[in-house]
Amino acid sequence: MIYFKKLNKLVICRPSTLKRYHQVNVAAMDRDKTAFICPFGTYRFIRMPFGLKNAPVTFQRLIDKFRGGLGDIFLRSYLDDIIVLSESFQEHLENLRDIFQRLELFKLTANREKCNFPCSKIKYLGHYITPEGLEVDPAKTAAILDMPEPKTVKQV
């Protein structure tokens, strides 16, 4: 559960993971369950593909293990969306060091193009988070704001 009221720290960043499900190994005994046939032969996944029924839960379990030991103090996550919160820039560097050590330990990679270091405003789970609090994403409200005013009872 994400408690947005606790997200208004001073320094924010978002190290986004890359390949998400493809970073999770499929157990050797379960690989045949992912097999598919195409004109080039029969193949099976050794890493978890998108589309498996339990893929999101399995990936969330991995992220929960990843977060273990780090606590909820400075790290929030929802599936592959990770956000790091810090009171000061120095604390932020220490927190990032811990995060990257855990990424290496769990053999997870971060997508450099999707990472934001450090920010005072960041888009996270459809909202903007700033040190002042939570802001609505203007793109989410644009359709409602641009909707023409109803002129007849039927349009209402």
N, C-alpha and C. Protein backbone atom coordinates (compact mmCIF):
# COMPACT_ATOMS: atom_id res chain seq x y z
N MET A 1 0.85 -1.17 0.00
CA MET A 1 0.00 0.00 0.00
C MET A 1 0.90 1.23 0.00
N ILE A 2 0.60 2.19 -0.85
CA ILE A 2 1.36 3.43 -0.94
C ILE A 2 0.61 4.50 -0.15
N TYR A 3 1.27 5.10 0.83
CA TYR A 3 0.69 6.19 1.59
C TYR A 3 1.27 7.49 1.06
N PHE A 4 0.50 8.18 0.21
CA PHE A 4 1.01 9.36 -0.46
C PHE A 4 1.36 10.48 0.51
N LYS A 5 0.72 10.54 1.67
CA LYS A 5 1.02 11.60 2.63
C LYS A 5 2.46 11.52 3.13
N LYS A 6 3.05 10.33 3.09
CA LYS A 6 4.43 10.16 3.55
C LYS A 6 5.44 10.40 2.43
N LEU A 7 4.99 10.74 1.24
CA LEU A 7 5.89 10.86 0.10
C LEU A 7 6.48 12.25 -0.07
N ASN A 8 6.08 13.21 0.75
CA ASN A 8 6.55 14.58 0.53
C ASN A 8 7.88 14.81 1.24
N LYS A 9 8.91 14.16 0.77
CA LYS A 9 10.27 14.35 1.26
C LYS A 9 10.94 15.42 0.40
N LEU A 10 12.18 15.71 0.70
CA LEU A 10 12.88 16.77 -0.02
C LEU A 10 13.47 16.30 -1.35
N VAL A 11 14.07 15.13 -1.36
CA VAL A 11 14.75 14.64 -2.55
C VAL A 11 14.08 13.34 -2.99
N ILE A 12 13.72 13.28 -4.27
CA ILE A 12 12.99 12.13 -4.79
C ILE A 12 13.72 11.61 -6.03
N CYS A 13 13.73 10.31 -6.23
CA CYS A 13 14.20 9.76 -7.49
C CYS A 13 13.44 8.49 -7.79
N ARG A 14 13.54 8.07 -9.05
CA ARG A 14 12.81 6.89 -9.50
C ARG A 14 13.73 6.01 -10.33
N PRO A 15 14.40 5.02 -9.70
CA PRO A 15 15.18 4.07 -10.48
C PRO A 15 14.27 2.99 -11.03
N SER A 16 13.94 3.07 -12.29
CA SER A 16 12.98 2.15 -12.91
C SER A 16 13.69 0.87 -13.33
N THR A 17 13.09 -0.27 -13.02
CA THR A 17 13.71 -1.52 -13.42
C THR A 17 13.43 -1.82 -14.89
N LEU A 18 14.34 -2.53 -15.49
CA LEU A 18 14.27 -2.87 -16.91
C LEU A 18 13.89 -4.34 -17.06
N LYS A 19 13.17 -4.66 -18.08
CA LYS A 19 12.82 -6.03 -18.45
C LYS A 19 11.84 -6.68 -17.48
N ARG A 20 11.56 -6.07 -16.40
CA ARG A 20 10.63 -6.55 -15.38
C ARG A 20 10.57 -8.07 -15.28
N TYR A 21 9.53 -8.66 -15.86
CA TYR A 21 9.31 -10.09 -15.70
C TYR A 21 10.46 -10.91 -16.27
N HIS A 22 11.10 -10.41 -17.31
CA HIS A 22 12.19 -11.16 -17.94
C HIS A 22 13.42 -11.26 -17.05
N GLN A 23 13.39 -10.64 -15.88
CA GLN A 23 14.49 -10.77 -14.93
C GLN A 23 14.26 -11.90 -13.94
N VAL A 24 13.09 -12.53 -14.00
CA VAL A 24 12.74 -13.60 -13.07
C VAL A 24 12.90 -14.94 -13.78
N ASN A 25 13.71 -15.82 -13.21
CA ASN A 25 13.91 -17.15 -13.80
C ASN A 25 12.67 -18.01 -13.61
N VAL A 26 12.36 -18.82 -14.62
CA VAL A 26 11.30 -19.82 -14.50
C VAL A 26 11.95 -21.08 -13.95
N ALA A 27 11.35 -21.68 -12.94
CA ALA A 27 11.89 -22.91 -12.35
C ALA A 27 12.03 -23.97 -13.44
N ALA A 28 13.11 -24.74 -13.40
CA ALA A 28 13.38 -25.74 -14.43
C ALA A 28 12.20 -26.69 -14.61
N MET A 29 11.54 -27.06 -13.52
CA MET A 29 10.41 -28.00 -13.62
C MET A 29 9.17 -27.37 -14.25
N ASP A 30 9.13 -26.03 -14.36
CA ASP A 30 7.97 -25.34 -14.92
C ASP A 30 8.19 -24.83 -16.34
N ARG A 31 9.38 -24.97 -16.87
CA ARG A 31 9.68 -24.41 -18.20
C ARG A 31 8.86 -25.04 -19.31
N ASP A 32 8.57 -26.33 -19.20
CA ASP A 32 7.75 -26.98 -20.24
C ASP A 32 6.35 -26.38 -20.31
N LYS A 33 5.89 -25.80 -19.22
CA LYS A 33 4.55 -25.19 -19.19
C LYS A 33 4.51 -23.90 -20.02
N THR A 34 5.67 -23.36 -20.34
CA THR A 34 5.73 -22.13 -21.14
C THR A 34 6.06 -22.41 -22.61
N ALA A 35 6.11 -23.68 -22.99
CA ALA A 35 6.51 -24.06 -24.35
C ALA A 35 5.50 -23.59 -25.39
N PHE A 36 6.04 -23.25 -26.56
CA PHE A 36 5.20 -22.89 -27.70
C PHE A 36 5.87 -23.39 -28.98
N ILE A 37 5.07 -23.61 -29.99
CA ILE A 37 5.56 -24.12 -31.27
C ILE A 37 5.37 -23.04 -32.32
N CYS A 38 6.40 -22.86 -33.15
CA CYS A 38 6.32 -21.93 -34.27
C CYS A 38 7.00 -22.60 -35.46
N PRO A 39 6.99 -21.97 -36.62
CA PRO A 39 7.62 -22.60 -37.80
C PRO A 39 9.10 -22.92 -37.63
N PHE A 40 9.76 -22.30 -36.65
CA PHE A 40 11.20 -22.51 -36.47
C PHE A 40 11.51 -23.58 -35.44
N GLY A 41 10.48 -24.12 -34.78
CA GLY A 41 10.70 -25.17 -33.79
C GLY A 41 9.87 -24.97 -32.53
N THR A 42 10.19 -25.75 -31.52
CA THR A 42 9.53 -25.66 -30.22
C THR A 42 10.46 -24.93 -29.27
N TYR A 43 9.92 -23.96 -28.58
CA TYR A 43 10.71 -23.16 -27.65
C TYR A 43 10.01 -23.10 -26.30
N ARG A 44 10.79 -22.84 -25.26
CA ARG A 44 10.23 -22.63 -23.93
C ARG A 44 11.02 -21.53 -23.24
N PHE A 45 10.35 -20.84 -22.37
CA PHE A 45 10.98 -19.72 -21.68
C PHE A 45 11.83 -20.21 -20.52
N ILE A 46 12.99 -19.58 -20.35
CA ILE A 46 13.79 -19.81 -19.15
C ILE A 46 13.62 -18.64 -18.18
N ARG A 47 13.08 -17.54 -18.71
CA ARG A 47 12.74 -16.37 -17.89
C ARG A 47 11.25 -16.11 -18.03
N MET A 48 10.66 -15.54 -17.02
CA MET A 48 9.21 -15.35 -16.99
C MET A 48 8.74 -14.39 -18.08
N PRO A 49 7.84 -14.84 -18.95
CA PRO A 49 7.32 -13.96 -20.00
C PRO A 49 6.11 -13.16 -19.49
N PHE A 50 5.77 -12.11 -20.23
CA PHE A 50 4.53 -11.39 -19.96
C PHE A 50 3.37 -12.30 -20.32
N GLY A 51 2.25 -12.10 -19.66
CA GLY A 51 1.05 -12.83 -20.02
C GLY A 51 0.74 -14.03 -19.15
N LEU A 52 1.70 -14.50 -18.37
CA LEU A 52 1.40 -15.60 -17.47
C LEU A 52 0.49 -15.09 -16.36
N LYS A 53 -0.47 -15.91 -15.97
CA LYS A 53 -1.49 -15.49 -15.00
C LYS A 53 -0.88 -14.97 -13.70
N ASN A 54 0.13 -15.65 -13.19
CA ASN A 54 0.71 -15.28 -11.90
C ASN A 54 1.96 -14.42 -12.02
N ALA A 55 2.28 -13.94 -13.21
CA ALA A 55 3.50 -13.14 -13.40
C ALA A 55 3.53 -11.89 -12.52
N PRO A 56 2.46 -11.09 -12.46
CA PRO A 56 2.53 -9.89 -11.61
C PRO A 56 2.76 -10.22 -10.13
N VAL A 57 2.10 -11.25 -9.63
CA VAL A 57 2.25 -11.64 -8.23
C VAL A 57 3.67 -12.14 -7.97
N THR A 58 4.19 -12.94 -8.89
CA THR A 58 5.55 -13.46 -8.74
C THR A 58 6.56 -12.32 -8.75
N PHE A 59 6.38 -11.37 -9.66
CA PHE A 59 7.31 -10.24 -9.71
C PHE A 59 7.19 -9.39 -8.45
N GLN A 60 5.97 -9.17 -7.95
CA GLN A 60 5.79 -8.38 -6.73
C GLN A 60 6.46 -9.09 -5.55
N ARG A 61 6.40 -10.41 -5.51
CA ARG A 61 7.06 -11.16 -4.44
C ARG A 61 8.57 -10.94 -4.49
N LEU A 62 9.14 -10.92 -5.71
CA LEU A 62 10.57 -10.64 -5.86
C LEU A 62 10.89 -9.24 -5.36
N ILE A 63 10.08 -8.26 -5.73
CA ILE A 63 10.32 -6.88 -5.29
C ILE A 63 10.17 -6.77 -3.78
N ASP A 64 9.23 -7.49 -3.18
CA ASP A 64 9.08 -7.48 -1.73
C ASP A 64 10.32 -8.04 -1.05
N LYS A 65 10.90 -9.11 -1.61
CA LYS A 65 12.15 -9.65 -1.07
C LYS A 65 13.28 -8.63 -1.24
N PHE A 66 13.30 -7.97 -2.40
CA PHE A 66 14.30 -6.93 -2.68
C PHE A 66 14.22 -5.83 -1.63
N ARG A 67 13.01 -5.43 -1.27
CA ARG A 67 12.81 -4.35 -0.30
C ARG A 67 13.13 -4.78 1.12
N GLY A 68 13.10 -6.08 1.39
CA GLY A 68 13.38 -6.58 2.74
C GLY A 68 14.74 -6.11 3.22
N GLY A 69 14.78 -5.59 4.42
CA GLY A 69 16.03 -5.06 4.95
C GLY A 69 16.20 -3.58 4.69
N LEU A 70 15.52 -3.06 3.67
CA LEU A 70 15.59 -1.63 3.39
C LEU A 70 14.50 -0.88 4.14
N GLY A 71 13.40 -1.55 4.40
CA GLY A 71 12.31 -0.93 5.13
C GLY A 71 11.52 0.04 4.27
N ASP A 72 10.47 0.55 4.86
CA ASP A 72 9.59 1.50 4.19
C ASP A 72 10.05 2.93 4.41
N ILE A 73 11.16 3.10 5.09
CA ILE A 73 11.59 4.43 5.47
C ILE A 73 11.86 5.29 4.25
N PHE A 74 12.57 4.78 3.25
CA PHE A 74 12.92 5.62 2.11
C PHE A 74 12.58 5.00 0.76
N LEU A 75 12.05 3.79 0.75
CA LEU A 75 11.77 3.12 -0.51
C LEU A 75 10.31 2.73 -0.58
N ARG A 76 9.67 3.10 -1.67
CA ARG A 76 8.29 2.69 -1.94
C ARG A 76 8.30 1.97 -3.29
N SER A 77 7.43 0.99 -3.45
CA SER A 77 7.39 0.28 -4.72
C SER A 77 6.00 -0.24 -5.00
N TYR A 78 5.70 -0.32 -6.29
CA TYR A 78 4.50 -0.97 -6.78
C TYR A 78 4.90 -1.65 -8.07
N LEU A 79 4.96 -2.97 -8.04
CA LEU A 79 5.50 -3.77 -9.14
C LEU A 79 6.86 -3.22 -9.53
N ASP A 80 7.04 -2.72 -10.76
CA ASP A 80 8.36 -2.27 -11.17
C ASP A 80 8.58 -0.78 -10.93
N ASP A 81 7.60 -0.09 -10.38
CA ASP A 81 7.76 1.33 -10.07
C ASP A 81 8.36 1.47 -8.68
N ILE A 82 9.58 1.96 -8.63
CA ILE A 82 10.29 2.14 -7.37
C ILE A 82 10.54 3.63 -7.20
N ILE A 83 10.34 4.11 -5.99
CA ILE A 83 10.62 5.51 -5.71
C ILE A 83 11.43 5.59 -4.43
N VAL A 84 12.47 6.42 -4.45
CA VAL A 84 13.36 6.60 -3.30
C VAL A 84 13.15 8.01 -2.77
N LEU A 85 12.94 8.12 -1.47
CA LEU A 85 12.65 9.40 -0.82
C LEU A 85 13.71 9.68 0.23
N SER A 86 14.17 10.92 0.30
CA SER A 86 15.20 11.26 1.26
C SER A 86 14.98 12.67 1.79
N GLU A 87 15.46 12.91 3.01
CA GLU A 87 15.33 14.22 3.64
C GLU A 87 16.39 15.20 3.13
N SER A 88 17.57 14.67 2.76
CA SER A 88 18.66 15.54 2.31
C SER A 88 19.37 14.88 1.13
N PHE A 89 20.19 15.66 0.44
CA PHE A 89 20.92 15.13 -0.71
C PHE A 89 21.92 14.07 -0.26
N GLN A 90 22.62 14.30 0.85
CA GLN A 90 23.59 13.32 1.36
C GLN A 90 22.89 12.01 1.72
N GLU A 91 21.76 12.10 2.40
CA GLU A 91 20.98 10.91 2.74
C GLU A 91 20.51 10.20 1.47
N HIS A 92 20.18 10.98 0.46
CA HIS A 92 19.72 10.42 -0.81
C HIS A 92 20.83 9.58 -1.46
N LEU A 93 22.04 10.09 -1.44
CA LEU A 93 23.16 9.34 -2.01
C LEU A 93 23.37 8.03 -1.26
N GLU A 94 23.25 8.06 0.06
CA GLU A 94 23.40 6.83 0.86
C GLU A 94 22.28 5.84 0.54
N ASN A 95 21.06 6.35 0.42
CA ASN A 95 19.92 5.49 0.09
C ASN A 95 20.09 4.85 -1.29
N LEU A 96 20.55 5.64 -2.26
CA LEU A 96 20.77 5.12 -3.61
C LEU A 96 21.86 4.05 -3.62
N ARG A 97 22.91 4.27 -2.82
CA ARG A 97 23.97 3.26 -2.72
C ARG A 97 23.37 1.93 -2.24
N ASP A 98 22.54 2.00 -1.20
CA ASP A 98 21.89 0.79 -0.69
C ASP A 98 21.00 0.13 -1.75
N ILE A 99 20.25 0.95 -2.48
CA ILE A 99 19.36 0.43 -3.53
C ILE A 99 20.17 -0.27 -4.61
N PHE A 100 21.23 0.35 -5.09
CA PHE A 100 22.01 -0.25 -6.17
C PHE A 100 22.76 -1.50 -5.71
N GLN A 101 23.16 -1.54 -4.45
CA GLN A 101 23.76 -2.77 -3.93
C GLN A 101 22.74 -3.90 -3.93
N ARG A 102 21.49 -3.59 -3.57
CA ARG A 102 20.43 -4.60 -3.57
C ARG A 102 20.09 -5.02 -5.01
N LEU A 103 20.07 -4.07 -5.94
CA LEU A 103 19.83 -4.42 -7.35
C LEU A 103 20.88 -5.42 -7.83
N GLU A 104 22.14 -5.16 -7.48
CA GLU A 104 23.22 -6.07 -7.88
C GLU A 104 23.06 -7.43 -7.20
N LEU A 105 22.73 -7.43 -5.91
CA LEU A 105 22.55 -8.67 -5.17
C LEU A 105 21.44 -9.53 -5.76
N PHE A 106 20.35 -8.90 -6.17
CA PHE A 106 19.20 -9.62 -6.72
C PHE A 106 19.29 -9.80 -8.24
N LYS A 107 20.40 -9.34 -8.83
CA LYS A 107 20.62 -9.45 -10.27
C LYS A 107 19.51 -8.77 -11.07
N LEU A 108 19.08 -7.61 -10.58
CA LEU A 108 18.09 -6.79 -11.27
C LEU A 108 18.81 -5.62 -11.92
N THR A 109 18.28 -5.14 -13.02
CA THR A 109 18.88 -4.01 -13.71
C THR A 109 17.92 -2.84 -13.73
N ALA A 110 18.47 -1.65 -13.80
CA ALA A 110 17.66 -0.43 -13.89
C ALA A 110 17.80 0.13 -15.30
N ASN A 111 16.72 0.67 -15.81
CA ASN A 111 16.71 1.27 -17.13
C ASN A 111 17.17 2.72 -17.00
N ARG A 112 18.36 3.02 -17.47
CA ARG A 112 18.94 4.35 -17.32
C ARG A 112 18.05 5.44 -17.91
N GLU A 113 17.42 5.15 -19.06
CA GLU A 113 16.58 6.15 -19.71
C GLU A 113 15.33 6.49 -18.90
N LYS A 114 14.86 5.56 -18.09
CA LYS A 114 13.65 5.79 -17.30
C LYS A 114 13.93 6.21 -15.87
N CYS A 115 15.20 6.29 -15.51
CA CYS A 115 15.57 6.71 -14.15
C CYS A 115 15.56 8.23 -14.06
N ASN A 116 15.15 8.74 -12.93
CA ASN A 116 15.17 10.17 -12.65
C ASN A 116 15.93 10.40 -11.36
N PHE A 117 17.08 11.10 -11.43
CA PHE A 117 17.91 11.35 -10.25
C PHE A 117 18.22 12.82 -10.14
N PRO A 118 18.33 13.38 -9.00
CA PRO A 118 17.22 13.51 -8.06
C PRO A 118 16.25 14.52 -8.63
N CYS A 119 15.05 14.54 -8.14
CA CYS A 119 13.99 15.41 -8.66
C CYS A 119 13.25 16.06 -7.51
N SER A 120 12.68 17.21 -7.79
CA SER A 120 11.80 17.83 -6.80
C SER A 120 10.34 17.56 -7.16
N LYS A 121 10.10 17.04 -8.37
CA LYS A 121 8.76 16.69 -8.81
C LYS A 121 8.87 15.46 -9.71
N ILE A 122 8.06 14.45 -9.43
CA ILE A 122 8.17 13.21 -10.19
C ILE A 122 6.79 12.61 -10.40
N LYS A 123 6.59 12.02 -11.58
CA LYS A 123 5.33 11.34 -11.89
C LYS A 123 5.43 9.91 -11.37
N TYR A 124 4.45 9.52 -10.55
CA TYR A 124 4.47 8.20 -9.94
C TYR A 124 3.05 7.70 -9.77
N LEU A 125 2.74 6.58 -10.38
CA LEU A 125 1.41 5.96 -10.29
C LEU A 125 0.30 6.93 -10.66
N GLY A 126 0.53 7.73 -11.71
CA GLY A 126 -0.50 8.61 -12.22
C GLY A 126 -0.65 9.93 -11.50
N HIS A 127 0.24 10.24 -10.58
CA HIS A 127 0.20 11.51 -9.86
C HIS A 127 1.59 12.13 -9.90
N TYR A 128 1.65 13.42 -9.59
CA TYR A 128 2.94 14.08 -9.41
C TYR A 128 3.18 14.23 -7.93
N ILE A 129 4.37 13.83 -7.49
CA ILE A 129 4.74 13.94 -6.09
C ILE A 129 5.80 15.03 -5.98
N THR A 130 5.57 15.97 -5.08
CA THR A 130 6.50 17.06 -4.81
C THR A 130 6.73 17.13 -3.31
N PRO A 131 7.74 17.88 -2.86
CA PRO A 131 7.91 18.05 -1.41
C PRO A 131 6.69 18.70 -0.74
N GLU A 132 5.89 19.42 -1.51
CA GLU A 132 4.70 20.07 -0.95
C GLU A 132 3.53 19.10 -0.85
N GLY A 133 3.56 17.99 -1.57
CA GLY A 133 2.47 17.03 -1.52
C GLY A 133 2.17 16.42 -2.87
N LEU A 134 0.93 16.01 -3.05
CA LEU A 134 0.48 15.29 -4.22
C LEU A 134 -0.24 16.21 -5.18
N GLU A 135 0.05 16.10 -6.48
CA GLU A 135 -0.62 16.89 -7.51
C GLU A 135 -1.25 15.94 -8.53
N VAL A 136 -2.37 16.36 -9.08
CA VAL A 136 -3.04 15.58 -10.12
C VAL A 136 -2.30 15.78 -11.44
N ASP A 137 -2.16 14.70 -12.20
CA ASP A 137 -1.54 14.77 -13.52
C ASP A 137 -2.50 15.48 -14.47
N PRO A 138 -2.11 16.63 -15.04
CA PRO A 138 -3.01 17.36 -15.94
C PRO A 138 -3.49 16.51 -17.13
N ALA A 139 -2.70 15.57 -17.58
CA ALA A 139 -3.12 14.72 -18.70
C ALA A 139 -4.32 13.85 -18.31
N LYS A 140 -4.44 13.52 -17.03
CA LYS A 140 -5.55 12.69 -16.57
C LYS A 140 -6.86 13.47 -16.50
N THR A 141 -6.78 14.77 -16.30
CA THR A 141 -7.99 15.58 -16.18
C THR A 141 -8.33 16.32 -17.46
N ALA A 142 -7.46 16.28 -18.46
CA ALA A 142 -7.66 17.04 -19.69
C ALA A 142 -8.96 16.67 -20.40
N ALA A 143 -9.29 15.40 -20.47
CA ALA A 143 -10.51 14.97 -21.18
C ALA A 143 -11.76 15.55 -20.52
N ILE A 144 -11.78 15.60 -19.21
CA ILE A 144 -12.94 16.16 -18.50
C ILE A 144 -13.00 17.67 -18.67
N LEU A 145 -11.85 18.32 -18.55
CA LEU A 145 -11.83 19.78 -18.68
C LEU A 145 -12.16 20.24 -20.09
N ASP A 146 -11.79 19.44 -21.09
CA ASP A 146 -12.04 19.80 -22.49
C ASP A 146 -13.41 19.35 -22.99
N MET A 147 -14.17 18.66 -22.17
CA MET A 147 -15.49 18.18 -22.58
C MET A 147 -16.44 19.36 -22.77
N PRO A 148 -17.17 19.39 -23.88
CA PRO A 148 -18.10 20.51 -24.10
C PRO A 148 -19.24 20.47 -23.08
N GLU A 149 -19.71 21.65 -22.74
CA GLU A 149 -20.81 21.75 -21.78
C GLU A 149 -22.09 21.21 -22.42
N PRO A 150 -22.85 20.36 -21.70
CA PRO A 150 -24.09 19.82 -22.27
C PRO A 150 -25.11 20.92 -22.52
N LYS A 151 -25.79 20.83 -23.66
CA LYS A 151 -26.77 21.86 -24.05
C LYS A 151 -28.21 21.36 -23.91
N THR A 152 -28.39 20.03 -23.94
CA THR A 152 -29.74 19.48 -23.86
C THR A 152 -29.83 18.48 -22.71
N VAL A 153 -31.05 18.11 -22.36
CA VAL A 153 -31.26 17.13 -21.29
C VAL A 153 -30.67 15.78 -21.69
N LYS A 154 -30.78 15.42 -22.96
CA LYS A 154 -30.25 14.14 -23.43
C LYS A 154 -28.72 14.09 -23.30
N GLN A 155 -28.04 15.20 -23.51
CA GLN A 155 -26.58 15.25 -23.39
C GLN A 155 -26.13 15.11 -21.94
N VAL A 156 -26.99 15.53 -21.01
CA VAL A 156 -26.66 15.42 -19.60
C VAL A 156 -26.70 13.96 -19.23
